[in-house]
Amino acid sequence: MTRALKSGSVSSNDVNRGKALLKAAILESYSTDSSLINAIGVQAVQLKQVQSIESLLSAVDGVTQQEVQEVFISNDIIGELIQ
């Protein structure tokens, strides 16, 4: 991971691992009644709408390696993480 940070590149494995972790977190946030109510409340307040779990998982699946790379570079994440 340190090598990827220094090189400024994000591999497809990095992206896939991140997507899997995010999807697991989304599924966990819908796993109990109280966490489901909390997730719905947060979405309603922040987004003024509530998205289905299928919609959220689909959005995560739609993230590309190129998009991650662009955000990674444009936000200077590399500089912040390796200082």
Protein backbone atom coordinates (compact mmCIF):
# COMPACT_ATOMS: atom_id res chain seq x y z
CA MET A 1 0.00 0.00 0.00
CA THR A 2 2.82 2.42 0.80
CA ARG A 3 4.31 1.80 -2.62
CA ALA A 4 0.96 2.58 -4.24
CA LEU A 5 0.71 5.80 -2.25
CA LYS A 6 4.19 6.91 -3.23
CA SER A 7 3.63 6.01 -6.88
CA GLY A 8 0.32 7.86 -6.95
CA SER A 9 -1.53 4.91 -8.42
CA VAL A 10 -4.44 2.88 -7.16
CA SER A 11 -4.64 -0.71 -8.41
CA SER A 12 -7.80 -2.50 -9.42
CA ASN A 13 -7.22 -4.80 -6.44
CA ASP A 14 -7.18 -1.76 -4.13
CA VAL A 15 -10.43 -0.51 -5.64
CA ASN A 16 -12.12 -3.90 -5.46
CA ARG A 17 -11.03 -4.36 -1.84
CA GLY A 18 -12.37 -0.91 -0.97
CA LYS A 19 -15.65 -1.59 -2.72
CA ALA A 20 -16.05 -4.90 -0.89
CA LEU A 21 -15.38 -3.24 2.47
CA LEU A 22 -17.83 -0.43 1.73
CA LYS A 23 -20.54 -2.87 0.63
CA ALA A 24 -20.01 -4.90 3.81
CA ALA A 25 -20.40 -1.71 5.87
CA ILE A 26 -23.60 -0.83 4.01
CA LEU A 27 -25.03 -4.31 4.58
CA GLU A 28 -24.06 -4.10 8.26
CA SER A 29 -25.86 -0.76 8.60
CA TYR A 30 -29.05 -2.47 7.43
CA SER A 31 -28.65 -5.63 9.53
CA THR A 32 -30.79 -4.74 12.57
CA ASP A 33 -33.95 -2.73 13.05
CA SER A 34 -32.17 -0.01 15.02
CA SER A 35 -29.29 0.31 12.55
CA LEU A 36 -31.76 0.35 9.65
CA ILE A 37 -33.75 3.17 11.26
CA ASN A 38 -30.52 5.05 11.91
CA ALA A 39 -29.33 4.61 8.30
CA ILE A 40 -32.69 5.79 6.95
CA GLY A 41 -32.66 8.79 9.28
CA VAL A 42 -29.14 9.80 8.25
CA GLN A 43 -30.04 9.55 4.56
CA ALA A 44 -33.24 11.52 5.04
CA VAL A 45 -31.43 14.34 6.83
CA GLN A 46 -28.33 14.47 4.64
CA LEU A 47 -29.79 13.66 1.23
CA LYS A 48 -33.45 14.61 1.70
CA GLN A 49 -34.29 11.17 0.30
CA VAL A 50 -33.84 7.52 1.22
CA GLN A 51 -32.15 5.13 -1.19
CA SER A 52 -32.76 1.40 -1.24
CA ILE A 53 -29.95 -0.94 -0.28
CA GLU A 54 -29.92 -2.21 -3.87
CA SER A 55 -29.39 1.34 -5.12
CA LEU A 56 -26.53 1.94 -2.70
CA LEU A 57 -24.79 -1.34 -3.57
CA SER A 58 -25.24 -0.65 -7.27
CA ALA A 59 -23.67 2.79 -6.84
CA VAL A 60 -20.65 1.23 -5.13
CA ASP A 61 -20.35 -1.36 -7.92
CA GLY A 62 -20.40 1.47 -10.45
CA VAL A 63 -17.29 3.17 -9.07
CA THR A 64 -14.37 2.76 -11.48
CA GLN A 65 -10.64 2.56 -10.88
CA GLN A 66 -10.21 5.72 -12.95
CA GLU A 67 -12.68 7.66 -10.76
CA VAL A 68 -10.88 6.57 -7.60
CA GLN A 69 -7.53 7.51 -9.13
CA GLU A 70 -8.82 10.96 -10.10
CA VAL A 71 -10.17 11.66 -6.62
CA PHE A 72 -7.03 10.24 -5.04
CA ILE A 73 -4.84 12.64 -7.00
CA SER A 74 -7.10 15.70 -7.10
CA ASN A 75 -7.55 15.75 -3.33
CA ASP A 76 -3.82 15.28 -2.71
CA ILE A 77 -4.53 12.23 -0.59
CA ILE A 78 -1.07 10.97 -1.39
CA GLY A 79 0.63 13.97 0.22
CA GLU A 80 -1.53 13.78 3.32
CA LEU A 81 -0.96 10.06 3.86
CA ILE A 82 2.79 9.84 3.33
CA GLN A 83 3.85 12.89 5.31
